[in-house]
Amino acid sequence: MDTTLDLTAEYEFACQVAREAATIVTTFYVGSSEVEYKSHDEPVTEADRSANQHIVTRIAEMFPDDGLLSEESKDDLSRLDKRRVWIVDPLDGTKEFIARNGEFSIM
């Protein structure tokens, strides 16, 4: 019995959405981005929020039955009842993004 799970469509979708989010983040990187703090040492920027909104919206549209956990969104514990959960960090390396050193990614 073949138990291989084919996630090709999900992989291609995730790559496309990451590229779209990268375009959003890049507009802030070459321009300016307001910085706020979630806590003492946890910055969040407009780039974080804009990329998050885009990614969360796209996942919800394409996979409405899936759960979602994102660093920049309020946690919805109903995700624990879902068959599958997407885990998102729309701008991993916010401090590096602010420092403009290129050491950040979309996950």
Protein backbone atom coordinates (compact mmCIF):
# COMPACT_ATOMS: atom_id res chain seq x y z
CA MET A 1 0.00 0.00 0.00
CA ASP A 2 1.40 3.38 -1.06
CA THR A 3 1.18 5.84 1.83
CA THR A 4 2.98 8.65 0.02
CA LEU A 5 1.27 11.99 0.48
CA ASP A 6 1.36 14.15 -2.65
CA LEU A 7 1.72 17.76 -1.58
CA THR A 8 2.89 19.09 -4.94
CA ALA A 9 0.01 21.56 -5.30
CA GLU A 10 0.50 22.84 -1.74
CA TYR A 11 4.25 23.19 -2.27
CA GLU A 12 3.80 25.14 -5.50
CA PHE A 13 1.16 27.34 -3.87
CA ALA A 14 3.40 28.03 -0.85
CA CYS A 15 6.32 28.96 -3.11
CA GLN A 16 4.12 31.32 -5.14
CA VAL A 17 2.69 33.00 -2.04
CA ALA A 18 6.19 33.37 -0.56
CA ARG A 19 7.33 35.09 -3.78
CA GLU A 20 4.32 37.40 -3.62
CA ALA A 21 5.07 38.22 0.02
CA ALA A 22 8.72 38.83 -0.88
CA THR A 23 7.58 41.45 -3.39
CA ILE A 24 5.55 43.15 -0.66
CA VAL A 25 8.43 43.04 1.84
CA THR A 26 10.90 44.34 -0.75
CA THR A 27 8.83 47.49 -1.31
CA PHE A 28 9.28 48.32 2.37
CA TYR A 29 12.94 47.27 2.39
CA VAL A 30 13.91 49.70 -0.37
CA GLY A 31 11.61 52.37 1.02
CA SER A 32 10.77 52.83 4.65
CA SER A 33 8.85 50.85 7.22
CA GLU A 34 7.46 52.06 10.53
CA VAL A 35 8.74 50.05 13.50
CA GLU A 36 6.66 49.26 16.58
CA TYR A 37 7.34 46.84 19.42
CA LYS A 38 5.17 43.87 20.41
CA SER A 39 7.20 43.67 23.60
CA HIS A 40 10.45 45.14 24.89
CA ASP A 41 12.72 43.42 22.38
CA GLU A 42 10.26 42.23 19.69
CA PRO A 43 9.95 44.67 16.80
CA VAL A 44 7.21 44.46 14.21
CA THR A 45 7.09 46.50 11.00
CA GLU A 46 4.58 47.44 8.34
CA ALA A 47 6.36 44.88 6.18
CA ASP A 48 5.61 42.13 8.74
CA ARG A 49 1.95 43.09 8.89
CA SER A 50 1.45 43.55 5.15
CA ALA A 51 3.14 40.27 4.26
CA ASN A 52 1.19 38.51 7.00
CA GLN A 53 -2.14 39.83 5.74
CA HIS A 54 -1.36 38.71 2.21
CA ILE A 55 -0.18 35.22 3.19
CA VAL A 56 -3.05 34.57 5.63
CA THR A 57 -5.64 35.73 3.10
CA ARG A 58 -4.22 33.61 0.28
CA ILE A 59 -4.06 30.46 2.43
CA ALA A 60 -7.61 30.96 3.70
CA GLU A 61 -8.89 31.43 0.14
CA MET A 62 -7.09 28.41 -1.29
CA PHE A 63 -7.39 26.02 1.67
CA PRO A 64 -10.40 27.15 3.74
CA ASP A 65 -10.53 23.91 5.74
CA ASP A 66 -6.93 24.21 6.95
CA GLY A 67 -5.81 25.79 10.20
CA LEU A 68 -3.26 28.57 10.45
CA LEU A 69 -0.71 29.69 13.01
CA SER A 70 1.10 32.92 12.17
CA GLU A 71 3.52 34.92 14.28
CA GLU A 72 1.74 38.16 13.42
CA SER A 73 -1.88 36.99 13.84
CA LYS A 74 -3.95 36.30 16.91
CA ASP A 75 -3.84 32.58 17.63
CA ASP A 76 -7.09 30.80 16.82
CA LEU A 77 -7.12 27.60 18.87
CA SER A 78 -9.70 26.06 16.54
CA ARG A 79 -6.65 25.30 14.38
CA LEU A 80 -6.02 22.39 16.74
CA ASP A 81 -9.16 20.70 15.41
CA LYS A 82 -8.04 20.95 11.79
CA ARG A 83 -6.59 18.11 9.75
CA ARG A 84 -3.74 20.34 8.58
CA VAL A 85 -2.19 23.56 9.90
CA TRP A 86 -0.02 26.07 8.05
CA ILE A 87 2.68 27.70 10.18
CA VAL A 88 3.75 31.14 8.97
CA ASP A 89 6.41 33.68 9.86
CA PRO A 90 5.82 36.45 7.33
CA LEU A 91 9.15 38.13 8.05
CA ASP A 92 11.63 35.98 9.93
CA GLY A 93 14.47 38.23 11.00
CA THR A 94 12.65 41.49 11.61
CA LYS A 95 15.64 42.97 13.47
CA GLU A 96 17.85 42.15 10.50
CA PHE A 97 15.26 43.64 8.15
CA ILE A 98 15.30 46.86 10.19
CA ALA A 99 19.12 46.86 10.12
CA ARG A 100 18.94 46.45 6.30
CA ASN A 101 21.56 43.68 6.34
CA GLY A 102 19.65 41.25 4.08
CA GLU A 103 19.48 38.48 6.69
CA PHE A 104 15.72 37.84 6.72
CA SER A 105 13.29 35.48 5.05
CA ILE A 106 9.65 34.58 4.58
CA MET A 107 8.60 31.29 6.14
